[in-house]
Structures are given as structure tokens and as C-alpha cells.
């Protein structure tokens, strides 16, 4: 391939857009909010973050279902959605995978 100066100004696409269309700023807007929230919560030796965490734990201890779920999701991770498929009359499906060279 010959040296070409025609495409000198072309830069590789950034991979941090996650498949978004060029010019899509949605992720950037969410990141700005996340960054501002994080700064607000960690100021003053993370006092605000600790207060919120303590209130969440107290609500969970008091039996609030939403708080219990939130604590469990944060500690163990959210449960994975599963879908069970079966054939006629509840018989299991047979899956065959094949590939050719």
C-alpha cells in the first residue's frame, strides 16, 4: 500500500460508546450525574454515604422488604433471570450444536 496523506486526519473510533451512534451523548450525561453524585457522597470523610448506608441497614433490620432486597442485591448480586424451556408434555429439549470447517 502506498503512503497516502489523504486520510491523515482520520482517527479510530472510540470503543467507549458501547455501540451508540456517532454524536450520541446519553452515556456522557449519565456519567456527569454519576460523577457529581459520587463527589457529593464522599465529601467530609464520606459522612453522607455512611449516613445513607446506616439508614438503609436500619430499614432492612426493621423488616422493610425494599431495603432487604437492596441490601441482598448489593451484597450477593442481583439474581439472574432464567427461562426454563421444555418440549411436548414437559419433556426436555434436545440441543444439537454442529459446525463445519
PDB file of N, CA and C in Angstrom:
ATOM      1  N   UNK A   1       0.852  -1.175   0.000  1.00  0.00           N
ATOM      2  CA  UNK A   1       0.000   0.000   0.000  1.00  0.00           C
ATOM      3  C   UNK A   1       0.895   1.234   0.000  1.00  0.00           C
ATOM      4  N   UNK A   2       0.567   2.187  -0.793  1.00  0.00           N
ATOM      5  CA  UNK A   2       1.373   3.402  -0.882  1.00  0.00           C
ATOM      6  C   UNK A   2       1.085   4.308   0.304  1.00  0.00           C
ATOM      7  N   UNK A   3       2.093   5.124   0.655  1.00  0.00           N
ATOM      8  CA  UNK A   3       1.875   6.120   1.703  1.00  0.00           C
ATOM      9  C   UNK A   3       0.895   7.153   1.188  1.00  0.00           C
ATOM     10  N   UNK A   4      -0.134   7.410   1.934  1.00  0.00           N
ATOM     11  CA  UNK A   4      -1.146   8.347   1.491  1.00  0.00           C
ATOM     12  C   UNK A   4      -1.348   9.409   2.548  1.00  0.00           C
ATOM     13  N   UNK A   5      -1.427  10.637   2.146  1.00  0.00           N
ATOM     14  CA  UNK A   5      -1.706  11.723   3.082  1.00  0.00           C
ATOM     15  C   UNK A   5      -3.183  12.084   3.055  1.00  0.00           C
ATOM     16  N   UNK A   6      -3.916  11.417   2.201  1.00  0.00           N
ATOM     17  CA  UNK A   6      -5.332  11.720   2.013  1.00  0.00           C
ATOM     18  C   UNK A   6      -6.147  11.495   3.283  1.00  0.00           C
ATOM     19  N   UNK A   7      -5.865  10.441   4.054  1.00  0.00           N
ATOM     20  CA  UNK A   7      -6.656  10.087   5.226  1.00  0.00           C
ATOM     21  C   UNK A   7      -5.913  10.337   6.536  1.00  0.00           C
ATOM     22  N   UNK A   8      -5.035  11.327   6.562  1.00  0.00           N
ATOM     23  CA  UNK A   8      -4.241  11.597   7.758  1.00  0.00           C
ATOM     24  C   UNK A   8      -5.090  12.008   8.957  1.00  0.00           C
ATOM     25  N   UNK A   9      -6.176  12.684   8.728  1.00  0.00           N
ATOM     26  CA  UNK A   9      -6.977  13.209   9.831  1.00  0.00           C
ATOM     27  C   UNK A   9      -8.005  12.215  10.365  1.00  0.00           C
ATOM     28  N   UNK A  10      -8.034  11.016   9.836  1.00  0.00           N
ATOM     29  CA  UNK A  10      -8.987  10.014  10.303  1.00  0.00           C
ATOM     30  C   UNK A  10      -8.434   9.378  11.575  1.00  0.00           C
ATOM     31  N   UNK A  11      -9.258   9.359  12.601  1.00  0.00           N
ATOM     32  CA  UNK A  11      -8.848   8.736  13.861  1.00  0.00           C
ATOM     33  C   UNK A  11      -9.721   7.523  14.102  1.00  0.00           C
ATOM     34  N   UNK A  12      -9.199   6.508  14.774  1.00  0.00           N
ATOM     35  CA  UNK A  12     -10.023   5.339  15.056  1.00  0.00           C
ATOM     36  C   UNK A  12     -11.186   5.714  15.967  1.00  0.00           C
ATOM     37  N   UNK A  13     -12.307   5.028  15.774  1.00  0.00           N
ATOM     38  CA  UNK A  13     -13.474   5.299  16.601  1.00  0.00           C
ATOM     39  C   UNK A  13     -13.219   4.879  18.038  1.00  0.00           C
ATOM     40  N   UNK A  14     -13.739   5.653  18.958  1.00  0.00           N
ATOM     41  CA  UNK A  14     -13.613   5.313  20.375  1.00  0.00           C
ATOM     42  C   UNK A  14     -14.509   4.125  20.678  1.00  0.00           C
ATOM     43  N   UNK A  15     -14.006   3.196  21.481  1.00  0.00           N
ATOM     44  CA  UNK A  15     -14.786   1.998  21.795  1.00  0.00           C
ATOM     45  C   UNK A  15     -15.627   2.173  23.053  1.00  0.00           C
ATOM     46  N   UNK A  16     -15.603   3.367  23.673  1.00  0.00           N
ATOM     47  CA  UNK A  16     -16.355   3.552  24.909  1.00  0.00           C
ATOM     48  C   UNK A  16     -17.793   3.997  24.686  1.00  0.00           C
ATOM     49  N   UNK A  17     -18.240   4.055  23.437  1.00  0.00           N
ATOM     50  CA  UNK A  17     -19.614   4.464  23.162  1.00  0.00           C
ATOM     51  C   UNK A  17     -20.585   3.311  23.296  1.00  0.00           C
ATOM     52  N   UNK A  18     -20.100   2.111  23.370  1.00  0.00           N
ATOM     53  CA  UNK A  18     -20.977   0.969  23.542  1.00  0.00           C
ATOM     54  C   UNK A  18     -21.934   0.747  22.388  1.00  0.00           C
ATOM     55  N   UNK A  19     -21.526   1.017  21.174  1.00  0.00           N
ATOM     56  CA  UNK A  19     -22.376   0.778  20.022  1.00  0.00           C
ATOM     57  C   UNK A  19     -23.321   1.922  19.715  1.00  0.00           C
ATOM     58  N   UNK A  20     -23.207   3.020  20.429  1.00  0.00           N
ATOM     59  CA  UNK A  20     -24.090   4.158  20.195  1.00  0.00           C
ATOM     60  C   UNK A  20     -23.734   4.848  18.884  1.00  0.00           C
ATOM     61  N   UNK A  21     -24.695   5.531  18.331  1.00  0.00           N
ATOM     62  CA  UNK A  21     -24.486   6.265  17.097  1.00  0.00           C
ATOM     63  C   UNK A  21     -23.519   7.423  17.352  1.00  0.00           C
ATOM     64  N   UNK A  22     -22.754   7.838  16.332  1.00  0.00           N
ATOM     65  CA  UNK A  22     -21.869   8.991  16.494  1.00  0.00           C
ATOM     66  C   UNK A  22     -22.673  10.212  16.944  1.00  0.00           C
ATOM     67  N   UNK A  23     -22.154  10.917  17.903  1.00  0.00           N
ATOM     68  CA  UNK A  23     -22.838  12.100  18.420  1.00  0.00           C
ATOM     69  C   UNK A  23     -23.782  11.813  19.568  1.00  0.00           C
ATOM     70  N   UNK A  24     -24.027  10.553  19.895  1.00  0.00           N
ATOM     71  CA  UNK A  24     -24.915  10.192  20.994  1.00  0.00           C
ATOM     72  C   UNK A  24     -24.236  10.545  22.317  1.00  0.00           C
ATOM     73  N   UNK A  25     -24.830  11.452  23.057  1.00  0.00           N
ATOM     74  CA  UNK A  25     -24.237  11.929  24.307  1.00  0.00           C
ATOM     75  C   UNK A  25     -24.942  11.377  25.547  1.00  0.00           C
ATOM     76  N   UNK A  26     -25.823  10.395  25.389  1.00  0.00           N
ATOM     77  CA  UNK A  26     -26.586   9.875  26.523  1.00  0.00           C
ATOM     78  C   UNK A  26     -25.678   9.319  27.617  1.00  0.00           C
ATOM     79  N   UNK A  27     -24.678   8.553  27.255  1.00  0.00           N
ATOM     80  CA  UNK A  27     -23.777   7.975  28.253  1.00  0.00           C
ATOM     81  C   UNK A  27     -23.007   9.066  28.978  1.00  0.00           C
ATOM     82  N   UNK A  28     -22.619  10.082  28.265  1.00  0.00           N
ATOM     83  CA  UNK A  28     -21.867  11.185  28.871  1.00  0.00           C
ATOM     84  C   UNK A  28     -22.715  11.910  29.909  1.00  0.00           C
ATOM     85  N   UNK A  29     -24.003  12.127  29.602  1.00  0.00           N
ATOM     86  CA  UNK A  29     -24.889  12.806  30.546  1.00  0.00           C
ATOM     87  C   UNK A  29     -25.044  11.986  31.817  1.00  0.00           C
ATOM     88  N   UNK A  30     -25.222  10.683  31.676  1.00  0.00           N
ATOM     89  CA  UNK A  30     -25.341   9.816  32.842  1.00  0.00           C
ATOM     90  C   UNK A  30     -24.074   9.811  33.658  1.00  0.00           C
ATOM     91  N   UNK A  31     -22.945   9.860  32.995  1.00  0.00           N
ATOM     92  CA  UNK A  31     -21.653   9.880  33.676  1.00  0.00           C
ATOM     93  C   UNK A  31     -21.480  11.176  34.451  1.00  0.00           C
ATOM     94  N   UNK A  32     -21.932  12.288  33.907  1.00  0.00           N
ATOM     95  CA  UNK A  32     -21.835  13.566  34.615  1.00  0.00           C
ATOM     96  C   UNK A  32     -22.616  13.516  35.922  1.00  0.00           C
ATOM     97  N   UNK A  33     -23.828  12.957  35.883  1.00  0.00           N
ATOM     98  CA  UNK A  33     -24.637  12.840  37.097  1.00  0.00           C
ATOM     99  C   UNK A  33     -23.970  11.911  38.099  1.00  0.00           C
ATOM    100  N   UNK A  34     -23.491  10.767  37.611  1.00  0.00           N
ATOM    101  CA  UNK A  34     -22.819   9.801  38.475  1.00  0.00           C
ATOM    102  C   UNK A  34     -21.605  10.437  39.151  1.00  0.00           C
ATOM    103  N   UNK A  35     -20.818  11.167  38.374  1.00  0.00           N
ATOM    104  CA  UNK A  35     -19.626  11.809  38.931  1.00  0.00           C
ATOM    105  C   UNK A  35     -19.997  12.847  39.992  1.00  0.00           C
ATOM    106  N   UNK A  36     -21.019  13.657  39.718  1.00  0.00           N
ATOM    107  CA  UNK A  36     -21.441  14.678  40.684  1.00  0.00           C
ATOM    108  C   UNK A  36     -21.995  14.031  41.955  1.00  0.00           C
ATOM    109  N   UNK A  37     -22.762  12.968  41.793  1.00  0.00           N
ATOM    110  CA  UNK A  37     -23.307  12.264  42.948  1.00  0.00           C
ATOM    111  C   UNK A  37     -22.190  11.665  43.789  1.00  0.00           C
ATOM    112  N   UNK A  38     -21.231  11.063  43.123  1.00  0.00           N
ATOM    113  CA  UNK A  38     -20.099  10.453  43.831  1.00  0.00           C
ATOM    114  C   UNK A  38     -19.318  11.505  44.628  1.00  0.00           C
ATOM    115  N   UNK A  39     -19.071  12.654  44.019  1.00  0.00           N
ATOM    116  CA  UNK A  39     -18.355  13.734  44.712  1.00  0.00           C
ATOM    117  C   UNK A  39     -19.142  14.183  45.945  1.00  0.00           C
ATOM    118  N   UNK A  40     -20.455  14.349  45.792  1.00  0.00           N
ATOM    119  CA  UNK A  40     -21.280  14.798  46.914  1.00  0.00           C
ATOM    120  C   UNK A  40     -21.287  13.786  48.061  1.00  0.00           C
ATOM    121  N   UNK A  41     -21.286  12.503  47.715  1.00  0.00           N
ATOM    122  CA  UNK A  41     -21.365  11.470  48.753  1.00  0.00           C
ATOM    123  C   UNK A  41     -20.055  11.228  49.489  1.00  0.00           C
ATOM    124  N   UNK A  42     -18.932  11.511  48.860  1.00  0.00           N
ATOM    125  CA  UNK A  42     -17.649  11.197  49.504  1.00  0.00           C
ATOM    126  C   UNK A  42     -16.998  12.392  50.181  1.00  0.00           C
ATOM    127  N   UNK A  43     -17.620  13.549  50.119  1.00  0.00           N
ATOM    128  CA  UNK A  43     -17.070  14.716  50.815  1.00  0.00           C
ATOM    129  C   UNK A  43     -17.175  14.516  52.317  1.00  0.00           C
ATOM    130  N   UNK A  44     -16.400  15.268  53.049  1.00  0.00           N
ATOM    131  CA  UNK A  44     -16.393  15.231  54.517  1.00  0.00           C
ATOM    132  C   UNK A  44     -16.189  13.817  55.036  1.00  0.00           C
ATOM    133  N   UNK A  45     -15.158  13.168  54.550  1.00  0.00           N
ATOM    134  CA  UNK A  45     -14.784  11.826  55.004  1.00  0.00           C
ATOM    135  C   UNK A  45     -15.915  10.817  54.828  1.00  0.00           C
ATOM    136  N   UNK A  46     -16.650  10.924  53.717  1.00  0.00           N
ATOM    137  CA  UNK A  46     -17.733  10.007  53.343  1.00  0.00           C
ATOM    138  C   UNK A  46     -18.886   9.975  54.357  1.00  0.00           C
ATOM    139  N   UNK A  47     -19.081  11.058  55.073  1.00  0.00           N
ATOM    140  CA  UNK A  47     -20.120  11.117  56.105  1.00  0.00           C
ATOM    141  C   UNK A  47     -21.520  10.889  55.525  1.00  0.00           C
ATOM    142  N   UNK A  48     -21.836  11.530  54.400  1.00  0.00           N
ATOM    143  CA  UNK A  48     -23.166  11.387  53.789  1.00  0.00           C
ATOM    144  C   UNK A  48     -23.405   9.952  53.335  1.00  0.00           C
ATOM    145  N   UNK A  49     -22.399   9.355  52.735  1.00  0.00           N
ATOM    146  CA  UNK A  49     -22.525   7.976  52.272  1.00  0.00           C
ATOM    147  C   UNK A  49     -22.754   7.025  53.445  1.00  0.00           C
ATOM    148  N   UNK A  50     -22.030   7.229  54.539  1.00  0.00           N
ATOM    149  CA  UNK A  50     -22.224   6.390  55.727  1.00  0.00           C
ATOM    150  C   UNK A  50     -23.619   6.577  56.317  1.00  0.00           C
ATOM    151  N   UNK A  51     -24.118   7.824  56.341  1.00  0.00           N
ATOM    152  CA  UNK A  51     -25.466   8.076  56.872  1.00  0.00           C
ATOM    153  C   UNK A  51     -26.530   7.361  56.047  1.00  0.00           C
ATOM    154  N   UNK A  52     -26.409   7.433  54.730  1.00  0.00           N
ATOM    155  CA  UNK A  52     -27.373   6.767  53.852  1.00  0.00           C
ATOM    156  C   UNK A  52     -27.306   5.256  54.045  1.00  0.00           C
ATOM    157  N   UNK A  53     -26.098   4.741  54.135  1.00  0.00           N
ATOM    158  CA  UNK A  53     -25.920   3.304  54.327  1.00  0.00           C
ATOM    159  C   UNK A  53     -26.535   2.852  55.646  1.00  0.00           C
ATOM    160  N   UNK A  54     -26.312   3.610  56.697  1.00  0.00           N
ATOM    161  CA  UNK A  54     -26.876   3.264  58.010  1.00  0.00           C
ATOM    162  C   UNK A  54     -28.400   3.273  57.969  1.00  0.00           C
ATOM    163  N   UNK A  55     -29.002   4.248  57.281  1.00  0.00           N
ATOM    164  CA  UNK A  55     -30.462   4.299  57.170  1.00  0.00           C
ATOM    165  C   UNK A  55     -30.995   3.100  56.398  1.00  0.00           C
ATOM    166  N   UNK A  56     -30.290   2.702  55.354  1.00  0.00           N
ATOM    167  CA  UNK A  56     -30.691   1.533  54.578  1.00  0.00           C
ATOM    168  C   UNK A  56     -30.663   0.280  55.452  1.00  0.00           C
ATOM    169  N   UNK A  57     -29.587   0.109  56.197  1.00  0.00           N
ATOM    170  CA  UNK A  57     -29.459  -1.073  57.050  1.00  0.00           C
ATOM    171  C   UNK A  57     -30.532  -1.068  58.146  1.00  0.00           C
ATOM    172  N   UNK A  58     -30.806   0.093  58.744  1.00  0.00           N
ATOM    173  CA  UNK A  58     -31.848   0.175  59.770  1.00  0.00           C
ATOM    174  C   UNK A  58     -33.222  -0.168  59.190  1.00  0.00           C
ATOM    175  N   UNK A  59     -33.489   0.281  57.965  1.00  0.00           N
ATOM    176  CA  UNK A  59     -34.766  -0.047  57.318  1.00  0.00           C
ATOM    177  C   UNK A  59     -34.861  -1.545  57.057  1.00  0.00           C
ATOM    178  N   UNK A  60     -33.755  -2.152  56.642  1.00  0.00           N
ATOM    179  CA  UNK A  60     -33.743  -3.601  56.415  1.00  0.00           C
ATOM    180  C   UNK A  60     -33.957  -4.343  57.732  1.00  0.00           C
ATOM    181  N   UNK A  61     -33.322  -3.887  58.802  1.00  0.00           N
ATOM    182  CA  UNK A  61     -33.495  -4.514  60.115  1.00  0.00           C
ATOM    183  C   UNK A  61     -34.933  -4.390  60.608  1.00  0.00           C
ATOM    184  N   UNK A  62     -35.601  -3.299  60.210  1.00  0.00           N
ATOM    185  CA  UNK A  62     -36.992  -3.078  60.618  1.00  0.00           C
ATOM    186  C   UNK A  62     -37.966  -3.910  59.784  1.00  0.00           C
ATOM    187  N   UNK A  63     -37.448  -4.634  58.788  1.00  0.00           N
ATOM    188  CA  UNK A  63     -38.294  -5.522  58.006  1.00  0.00           C
ATOM    189  C   UNK A  63     -38.843  -4.933  56.728  1.00  0.00           C
ATOM    190  N   UNK A  64     -38.334  -3.779  56.306  1.00  0.00           N
ATOM    191  CA  UNK A  64     -38.802  -3.172  55.059  1.00  0.00           C
ATOM    192  C   UNK A  64     -38.343  -4.041  53.884  1.00  0.00           C
ATOM    193  N   UNK A  65     -39.286  -4.624  53.113  1.00  0.00           N
ATOM    194  CA  UNK A  65     -38.904  -5.525  52.019  1.00  0.00           C
ATOM    195  C   UNK A  65     -37.995  -4.876  50.971  1.00  0.00           C
ATOM    196  N   UNK A  66     -38.259  -3.623  50.602  1.00  0.00           N
ATOM    197  CA  UNK A  66     -37.438  -2.948  49.602  1.00  0.00           C
ATOM    198  C   UNK A  66     -36.000  -2.804  50.080  1.00  0.00           C
ATOM    199  N   UNK A  67     -35.825  -2.529  51.383  1.00  0.00           N
ATOM    200  CA  UNK A  67     -34.479  -2.351  51.933  1.00  0.00           C
ATOM    201  C   UNK A  67     -33.748  -3.686  52.023  1.00  0.00           C
ATOM    202  N   UNK A  68     -34.480  -4.730  52.421  1.00  0.00           N
ATOM    203  CA  UNK A  68     -33.881  -6.067  52.482  1.00  0.00           C
ATOM    204  C   UNK A  68     -33.400  -6.477  51.090  1.00  0.00           C
ATOM    205  N   UNK A  69     -34.262  -6.245  50.084  1.00  0.00           N
ATOM    206  CA  UNK A  69     -33.896  -6.598  48.704  1.00  0.00           C
ATOM    207  C   UNK A  69     -32.668  -5.816  48.257  1.00  0.00           C
ATOM    208  N   UNK A  70     -32.622  -4.541  48.577  1.00  0.00           N
ATOM    209  CA  UNK A  70     -31.493  -3.698  48.171  1.00  0.00           C
ATOM    210  C   UNK A  70     -30.193  -4.178  48.813  1.00  0.00           C
ATOM    211  N   UNK A  71     -30.236  -4.501  50.096  1.00  0.00           N
ATOM    212  CA  UNK A  71     -29.042  -4.995  50.791  1.00  0.00           C
ATOM    213  C   UNK A  71     -28.598  -6.317  50.172  1.00  0.00           C
ATOM    214  N   UNK A  72     -29.546  -7.220  49.931  1.00  0.00           N
ATOM    215  CA  UNK A  72     -29.195  -8.511  49.343  1.00  0.00           C
ATOM    216  C   UNK A  72     -28.613  -8.345  47.942  1.00  0.00           C
ATOM    217  N   UNK A  73     -29.215  -7.471  47.136  1.00  0.00           N
ATOM    218  CA  UNK A  73     -28.710  -7.245  45.781  1.00  0.00           C
ATOM    219  C   UNK A  73     -27.290  -6.678  45.811  1.00  0.00           C
ATOM    220  N   UNK A  74     -27.007  -5.821  46.765  1.00  0.00           N
ATOM    221  CA  UNK A  74     -25.673  -5.215  46.854  1.00  0.00           C
ATOM    222  C   UNK A  74     -24.643  -6.196  47.397  1.00  0.00           C
ATOM    223  N   UNK A  75     -25.053  -7.060  48.298  1.00  0.00           N
ATOM    224  CA  UNK A  75     -24.109  -7.995  48.914  1.00  0.00           C
ATOM    225  C   UNK A  75     -23.891  -9.244  48.061  1.00  0.00           C
ATOM    226  N   UNK A  76     -24.968  -9.811  47.524  1.00  0.00           N
ATOM    227  CA  UNK A  76     -24.873 -11.066  46.786  1.00  0.00           C
ATOM    228  C   UNK A  76     -24.981 -10.894  45.275  1.00  0.00           C
ATOM    229  N   UNK A  77     -25.351  -9.717  44.823  1.00  0.00           N
ATOM    230  CA  UNK A  77     -25.592  -9.500  43.398  1.00  0.00           C
ATOM    231  C   UNK A  77     -27.047  -9.810  43.084  1.00  0.00           C
ATOM    232  N   UNK A  78     -27.557  -9.177  42.048  1.00  0.00           N
ATOM    233  CA  UNK A  78     -28.949  -9.397  41.667  1.00  0.00           C
ATOM    234  C   UNK A  78     -29.115 -10.806  41.122  1.00  0.00           C
ATOM    235  N   UNK A  79     -30.256 -11.434  41.387  1.00  0.00           N
ATOM    236  CA  UNK A  79     -30.472 -12.782  40.856  1.00  0.00           C
ATOM    237  C   UNK A  79     -30.564 -12.768  39.333  1.00  0.00           C
ATOM    238  N   UNK A  80     -30.108 -13.834  38.735  1.00  0.00           N
ATOM    239  CA  UNK A  80     -30.131 -13.958  37.281  1.00  0.00           C
ATOM    240  C   UNK A  80     -31.506 -14.456  36.849  1.00  0.00           C
ATOM    241  N   UNK A  81     -32.061 -13.808  35.829  1.00  0.00           N
ATOM    242  CA  UNK A  81     -33.328 -14.279  35.279  1.00  0.00           C
ATOM    243  C   UNK A  81     -33.077 -15.559  34.498  1.00  0.00           C
ATOM    244  N   UNK A  82     -33.906 -16.549  34.734  1.00  0.00           N
ATOM    245  CA  UNK A  82     -33.771 -17.787  33.988  1.00  0.00           C
ATOM    246  C   UNK A  82     -35.093 -18.110  33.324  1.00  0.00           C
ATOM    247  N   UNK A  83     -35.013 -18.797  32.214  1.00  0.00           N
ATOM    248  CA  UNK A  83     -36.197 -19.252  31.497  1.00  0.00           C
ATOM    249  C   UNK A  83     -36.037 -20.739  31.270  1.00  0.00           C
ATOM    250  N   UNK A  84     -37.014 -21.487  31.724  1.00  0.00           N
ATOM    251  CA  UNK A  84     -36.963 -22.928  31.537  1.00  0.00           C
ATOM    252  C   UNK A  84     -37.836 -23.296  30.353  1.00  0.00           C
ATOM    253  N   UNK A  85     -37.261 -24.032  29.430  1.00  0.00           N
ATOM    254  CA  UNK A  85     -37.997 -24.463  28.250  1.00  0.00           C
ATOM    255  C   UNK A  85     -38.172 -25.971  28.302  1.00  0.00           C
ATOM    256  N   UNK A  86     -39.288 -26.414  27.801  1.00  0.00           N
ATOM    257  CA  UNK A  86     -39.493 -27.857  27.719  1.00  0.00           C
ATOM    258  C   UNK A  86     -40.281 -28.165  26.453  1.00  0.00           C
ATOM    259  N   UNK A  87     -40.170 -29.414  26.029  1.00  0.00           N
ATOM    260  CA  UNK A  87     -40.867 -29.853  24.824  1.00  0.00           C
ATOM    261  C   UNK A  87     -42.295 -30.269  25.157  1.00  0.00           C
ATOM    262  N   UNK A  88     -42.873 -31.025  24.264  1.00  0.00           N
ATOM    263  CA  UNK A  88     -44.236 -31.504  24.438  1.00  0.00           C
ATOM    264  C   UNK A  88     -44.346 -32.324  25.718  1.00  0.00           C
ATOM    265  N   UNK A  89     -45.375 -32.109  26.460  1.00  0.00           N
ATOM    266  CA  UNK A  89     -45.672 -32.831  27.698  1.00  0.00           C
ATOM    267  C   UNK A  89     -44.538 -32.744  28.725  1.00  0.00           C
ATOM    268  N   UNK A  90     -43.834 -31.615  28.724  1.00  0.00           N
ATOM    269  CA  UNK A  90     -42.808 -31.390  29.728  1.00  0.00           C
ATOM    270  C   UNK A  90     -41.491 -32.092  29.508  1.00  0.00           C
ATOM    271  N   UNK A  91     -41.330 -32.743  28.371  1.00  0.00           N
ATOM    272  CA  UNK A  91     -40.067 -33.437  28.100  1.00  0.00           C
ATOM    273  C   UNK A  91     -38.983 -32.408  27.776  1.00  0.00           C
ATOM    274  N   UNK A  92     -37.742 -32.679  28.142  1.00  0.00           N
ATOM    275  CA  UNK A  92     -36.680 -31.711  27.877  1.00  0.00           C
ATOM    276  C   UNK A  92     -36.356 -31.622  26.395  1.00  0.00           C
ATOM    277  N   UNK A  93     -35.884 -30.443  25.990  1.00  0.00           N
ATOM    278  CA  UNK A  93     -35.427 -30.250  24.621  1.00  0.00           C
ATOM    279  C   UNK A  93     -34.085 -30.944  24.436  1.00  0.00           C
ATOM    280  N   UNK A  94     -33.828 -31.364  23.226  1.00  0.00           N
ATOM    281  CA  UNK A  94     -32.511 -31.893  22.883  1.00  0.00           C
ATOM    282  C   UNK A  94     -31.841 -30.829  22.026  1.00  0.00           C
ATOM    283  N   UNK A  95     -30.679 -30.371  22.438  1.00  0.00           N
ATOM    284  CA  UNK A  95     -29.957 -29.326  21.728  1.00  0.00           C
ATOM    285  C   UNK A  95     -28.763 -29.953  21.033  1.00  0.00           C
ATOM    286  N   UNK A  96     -28.685 -29.747  19.741  1.00  0.00           N
ATOM    287  CA  UNK A  96     -27.571 -30.266  18.952  1.00  0.00           C
ATOM    288  C   UNK A  96     -26.853 -29.073  18.343  1.00  0.00           C
ATOM    289  N   UNK A  97     -25.544 -28.977  18.592  1.00  0.00           N
ATOM    290  CA  UNK A  97     -24.735 -27.890  18.038  1.00  0.00           C
ATOM    291  C   UNK A  97     -23.711 -28.529  17.102  1.00  0.00           C
ATOM    292  N   UNK A  98     -23.626 -28.032  15.888  1.00  0.00           N
ATOM    293  CA  UNK A  98     -22.678 -28.554  14.915  1.00  0.00           C
ATOM    294  C   UNK A  98     -22.064 -27.405  14.143  1.00  0.00           C
ATOM    295  N   UNK A  99     -20.829 -27.549  13.745  1.00  0.00           N
ATOM    296  CA  UNK A  99     -20.200 -26.553  12.901  1.00  0.00           C
ATOM    297  C   UNK A  99     -19.313 -27.254  11.892  1.00  0.00           C
ATOM    298  N   UNK A 100     -19.109 -26.547  10.801  1.00  0.00           N
ATOM    299  CA  UNK A 100     -18.298 -27.097   9.715  1.00  0.00           C
ATOM    300  C   UNK A 100     -17.098 -26.223   9.496  1.00  0.00           C
ATOM    301  N   UNK A 101     -16.037 -26.844   9.029  1.00  0.00           N
ATOM    302  CA  UNK A 101     -14.843 -26.058   8.685  1.00  0.00           C
ATOM    303  C   UNK A 101     -14.923 -25.601   7.271  1.00  0.00           C
TER     304      UNK A 101
END
